[in-house]
Amino acid sequence: MDYRYVGVVTHYFSRLGVAAILLDDELYLEDWVLFNGPHTQFEQQIFSMQINHQAVDQGLPGDEVAVQVDDVVRAGDEVYVIVD
């Protein structure tokens, strides 16, 4: 499996289970991603993504997107798209 770096977690909203991610590369709805950090490592598919509380299908470099996450993430965790 190959991984492509797409961004970094800037904030985790624990009550909502949502991560804010500042993107350095494109991210699409239904992409499989890896969250990786000193205390974090899990994979999940992106099923929900928003920019400024509006549902979107993709995020572009420079966007800060909010995604629903399956586990706890932390600010500074890196996000990678899993590439076949």
N, C-alpha and C. Protein backbone atom coordinates (compact mmCIF):
# COMPACT_ATOMS: atom_id res chain seq x y z
N MET A 1 0.82 -1.18 0.00
CA MET A 1 0.00 0.00 0.00
C MET A 1 0.87 1.25 0.00
N ASP A 2 0.45 2.23 -0.76
CA ASP A 2 1.16 3.50 -0.79
C ASP A 2 0.28 4.57 -0.14
N TYR A 3 0.96 5.60 0.37
CA TYR A 3 0.26 6.68 1.05
C TYR A 3 0.69 8.01 0.44
N ARG A 4 -0.28 8.94 0.32
CA ARG A 4 0.00 10.28 -0.18
C ARG A 4 -0.41 11.28 0.91
N TYR A 5 0.55 12.09 1.36
CA TYR A 5 0.28 13.08 2.41
C TYR A 5 -0.72 14.11 1.88
N VAL A 6 -1.78 14.37 2.67
CA VAL A 6 -2.77 15.36 2.24
C VAL A 6 -2.95 16.51 3.22
N GLY A 7 -2.54 16.34 4.47
CA GLY A 7 -2.72 17.46 5.40
C GLY A 7 -2.48 17.08 6.84
N VAL A 8 -2.86 18.02 7.72
CA VAL A 8 -2.60 17.86 9.15
C VAL A 8 -3.86 18.25 9.93
N VAL A 9 -4.11 17.52 11.01
CA VAL A 9 -5.23 17.82 11.89
C VAL A 9 -4.92 19.11 12.65
N THR A 10 -5.83 20.07 12.60
CA THR A 10 -5.63 21.32 13.33
C THR A 10 -6.44 21.36 14.62
N HIS A 11 -7.53 20.57 14.67
CA HIS A 11 -8.37 20.57 15.88
C HIS A 11 -9.24 19.32 15.87
N TYR A 12 -9.54 18.82 17.07
CA TYR A 12 -10.46 17.70 17.22
C TYR A 12 -11.61 18.13 18.12
N PHE A 13 -12.83 17.98 17.62
CA PHE A 13 -14.04 18.32 18.36
C PHE A 13 -14.58 17.03 18.96
N SER A 14 -14.22 16.76 20.22
CA SER A 14 -14.49 15.46 20.83
C SER A 14 -15.98 15.16 20.96
N ARG A 15 -16.79 16.15 21.29
CA ARG A 15 -18.23 15.88 21.45
C ARG A 15 -18.89 15.50 20.13
N LEU A 16 -18.35 16.00 19.03
CA LEU A 16 -18.91 15.71 17.71
C LEU A 16 -18.21 14.56 17.01
N GLY A 17 -17.00 14.22 17.46
CA GLY A 17 -16.20 13.22 16.77
C GLY A 17 -15.77 13.71 15.40
N VAL A 18 -15.38 14.98 15.34
CA VAL A 18 -15.03 15.62 14.07
C VAL A 18 -13.61 16.18 14.15
N ALA A 19 -12.86 15.98 13.07
CA ALA A 19 -11.51 16.54 12.96
C ALA A 19 -11.50 17.64 11.92
N ALA A 20 -10.82 18.74 12.23
CA ALA A 20 -10.55 19.80 11.26
C ALA A 20 -9.18 19.51 10.66
N ILE A 21 -9.10 19.48 9.34
CA ILE A 21 -7.86 19.14 8.64
C ILE A 21 -7.51 20.26 7.67
N LEU A 22 -6.30 20.79 7.79
CA LEU A 22 -5.79 21.78 6.85
C LEU A 22 -5.12 21.01 5.72
N LEU A 23 -5.63 21.17 4.51
CA LEU A 23 -5.18 20.36 3.38
C LEU A 23 -4.00 20.97 2.64
N ASP A 24 -3.05 20.11 2.29
CA ASP A 24 -1.94 20.45 1.41
C ASP A 24 -2.14 19.82 0.04
N ASP A 25 -3.11 18.93 -0.08
CA ASP A 25 -3.40 18.24 -1.33
C ASP A 25 -4.90 17.94 -1.36
N GLU A 26 -5.39 17.43 -2.46
CA GLU A 26 -6.82 17.17 -2.62
C GLU A 26 -7.27 15.99 -1.76
N LEU A 27 -8.50 16.11 -1.24
CA LEU A 27 -9.14 15.04 -0.48
C LEU A 27 -10.57 14.93 -0.99
N TYR A 28 -11.01 13.70 -1.24
CA TYR A 28 -12.34 13.47 -1.81
C TYR A 28 -13.20 12.63 -0.87
N LEU A 29 -14.50 12.85 -0.92
CA LEU A 29 -15.44 12.01 -0.22
C LEU A 29 -15.23 10.57 -0.67
N GLU A 30 -15.28 9.64 0.24
CA GLU A 30 -15.10 8.21 0.03
C GLU A 30 -13.64 7.80 -0.12
N ASP A 31 -12.68 8.73 -0.02
CA ASP A 31 -11.27 8.34 0.04
C ASP A 31 -11.02 7.55 1.31
N TRP A 32 -10.10 6.60 1.25
CA TRP A 32 -9.60 5.92 2.44
C TRP A 32 -8.38 6.69 2.91
N VAL A 33 -8.33 7.00 4.21
CA VAL A 33 -7.24 7.78 4.76
C VAL A 33 -6.62 7.09 5.97
N LEU A 34 -5.39 7.48 6.25
CA LEU A 34 -4.66 7.05 7.44
C LEU A 34 -4.41 8.28 8.29
N PHE A 35 -4.82 8.23 9.56
CA PHE A 35 -4.46 9.26 10.53
C PHE A 35 -3.26 8.72 11.29
N ASN A 36 -2.18 9.50 11.33
CA ASN A 36 -0.94 9.02 11.93
C ASN A 36 -0.31 10.10 12.80
N GLY A 37 0.03 9.72 14.03
CA GLY A 37 0.68 10.63 14.96
C GLY A 37 1.33 9.83 16.07
N PRO A 38 1.94 10.51 17.05
CA PRO A 38 2.62 9.81 18.14
C PRO A 38 1.71 8.86 18.92
N HIS A 39 0.43 9.20 19.05
CA HIS A 39 -0.51 8.37 19.81
C HIS A 39 -1.71 7.95 18.96
N THR A 40 -1.61 8.12 17.66
CA THR A 40 -2.73 7.88 16.76
C THR A 40 -2.26 7.07 15.57
N GLN A 41 -3.02 6.04 15.21
CA GLN A 41 -2.79 5.36 13.94
C GLN A 41 -4.01 4.50 13.63
N PHE A 42 -4.81 4.96 12.68
CA PHE A 42 -5.95 4.17 12.22
C PHE A 42 -6.33 4.62 10.81
N GLU A 43 -7.02 3.71 10.12
CA GLU A 43 -7.50 3.97 8.77
C GLU A 43 -9.01 4.05 8.80
N GLN A 44 -9.56 4.87 7.92
CA GLN A 44 -11.01 4.95 7.77
C GLN A 44 -11.35 5.55 6.43
N GLN A 45 -12.59 5.35 6.02
CA GLN A 45 -13.10 5.97 4.80
C GLN A 45 -13.81 7.26 5.17
N ILE A 46 -13.68 8.27 4.31
CA ILE A 46 -14.32 9.56 4.54
C ILE A 46 -15.75 9.50 4.01
N PHE A 47 -16.72 9.59 4.92
CA PHE A 47 -18.13 9.56 4.55
C PHE A 47 -18.81 10.91 4.71
N SER A 48 -18.19 11.82 5.45
CA SER A 48 -18.78 13.13 5.71
C SER A 48 -17.68 14.18 5.69
N MET A 49 -17.85 15.21 4.85
CA MET A 49 -16.85 16.27 4.76
C MET A 49 -17.57 17.60 4.56
N GLN A 50 -17.13 18.62 5.32
CA GLN A 50 -17.73 19.94 5.23
C GLN A 50 -16.66 21.03 5.20
N ILE A 51 -17.01 22.12 4.53
CA ILE A 51 -16.22 23.35 4.57
C ILE A 51 -17.19 24.45 4.98
N ASN A 52 -16.89 25.15 6.06
CA ASN A 52 -17.78 26.21 6.58
C ASN A 52 -19.22 25.72 6.75
N HIS A 53 -19.38 24.53 7.32
CA HIS A 53 -20.68 23.94 7.63
C HIS A 53 -21.50 23.59 6.39
N GLN A 54 -20.87 23.53 5.23
CA GLN A 54 -21.53 23.13 3.99
C GLN A 54 -20.93 21.81 3.52
N ALA A 55 -21.79 20.82 3.25
CA ALA A 55 -21.32 19.53 2.77
C ALA A 55 -20.63 19.70 1.41
N VAL A 56 -19.48 19.04 1.26
CA VAL A 56 -18.73 19.10 0.01
C VAL A 56 -18.27 17.70 -0.37
N ASP A 57 -17.95 17.52 -1.66
CA ASP A 57 -17.45 16.24 -2.16
C ASP A 57 -15.94 16.19 -2.22
N GLN A 58 -15.30 17.38 -2.15
CA GLN A 58 -13.84 17.42 -2.21
C GLN A 58 -13.31 18.64 -1.48
N GLY A 59 -12.07 18.52 -1.03
CA GLY A 59 -11.35 19.64 -0.46
C GLY A 59 -10.09 19.86 -1.27
N LEU A 60 -9.71 21.11 -1.44
CA LEU A 60 -8.54 21.46 -2.25
C LEU A 60 -7.42 21.99 -1.36
N PRO A 61 -6.19 22.02 -1.88
CA PRO A 61 -5.08 22.56 -1.08
C PRO A 61 -5.41 23.95 -0.54
N GLY A 62 -5.15 24.14 0.75
CA GLY A 62 -5.45 25.41 1.40
C GLY A 62 -6.78 25.42 2.13
N ASP A 63 -7.68 24.48 1.80
CA ASP A 63 -8.96 24.38 2.49
C ASP A 63 -8.78 23.77 3.87
N GLU A 64 -9.63 24.17 4.80
CA GLU A 64 -9.72 23.47 6.08
C GLU A 64 -11.07 22.77 6.08
N VAL A 65 -11.02 21.44 6.08
CA VAL A 65 -12.24 20.64 6.01
C VAL A 65 -12.51 20.00 7.36
N ALA A 66 -13.78 19.75 7.61
CA ALA A 66 -14.19 19.02 8.81
C ALA A 66 -14.68 17.65 8.37
N VAL A 67 -14.14 16.60 8.99
CA VAL A 67 -14.55 15.24 8.65
C VAL A 67 -14.92 14.49 9.92
N GLN A 68 -15.93 13.63 9.79
CA GLN A 68 -16.31 12.75 10.89
C GLN A 68 -15.24 11.68 11.00
N VAL A 69 -14.76 11.40 12.23
CA VAL A 69 -13.71 10.40 12.42
C VAL A 69 -14.20 9.29 13.33
N ASP A 70 -13.62 8.10 13.13
CA ASP A 70 -14.01 6.91 13.88
C ASP A 70 -13.32 6.78 15.23
N ASP A 71 -12.26 7.55 15.45
CA ASP A 71 -11.48 7.44 16.68
C ASP A 71 -10.94 8.83 17.03
N VAL A 72 -10.32 8.92 18.19
CA VAL A 72 -9.75 10.20 18.64
C VAL A 72 -8.53 10.55 17.81
N VAL A 73 -8.46 11.80 17.36
CA VAL A 73 -7.26 12.33 16.71
C VAL A 73 -6.78 13.53 17.51
N ARG A 74 -5.57 13.98 17.22
CA ARG A 74 -4.99 15.09 17.96
C ARG A 74 -4.42 16.11 16.99
N ALA A 75 -4.41 17.37 17.41
CA ALA A 75 -3.79 18.41 16.59
C ALA A 75 -2.36 18.01 16.29
N GLY A 76 -1.97 18.14 15.04
CA GLY A 76 -0.62 17.76 14.62
C GLY A 76 -0.55 16.39 13.98
N ASP A 77 -1.59 15.56 14.15
CA ASP A 77 -1.61 14.26 13.48
C ASP A 77 -1.63 14.48 11.97
N GLU A 78 -0.88 13.66 11.26
CA GLU A 78 -0.82 13.78 9.80
C GLU A 78 -1.88 12.90 9.16
N VAL A 79 -2.36 13.34 8.00
CA VAL A 79 -3.41 12.62 7.28
C VAL A 79 -2.87 12.23 5.91
N TYR A 80 -3.03 10.96 5.56
CA TYR A 80 -2.56 10.41 4.30
C TYR A 80 -3.71 9.73 3.58
N VAL A 81 -3.81 9.90 2.26
CA VAL A 81 -4.74 9.12 1.45
C VAL A 81 -4.06 7.81 1.11
N ILE A 82 -4.81 6.72 1.22
CA ILE A 82 -4.29 5.40 0.86
C ILE A 82 -4.48 5.24 -0.64
N VAL A 83 -3.37 5.00 -1.34
CA VAL A 83 -3.36 4.91 -2.80
C VAL A 83 -3.12 3.46 -3.19
N ASP A 84 -3.92 2.95 -4.12
CA ASP A 84 -3.72 1.57 -4.60
C ASP A 84 -2.50 1.47 -5.48
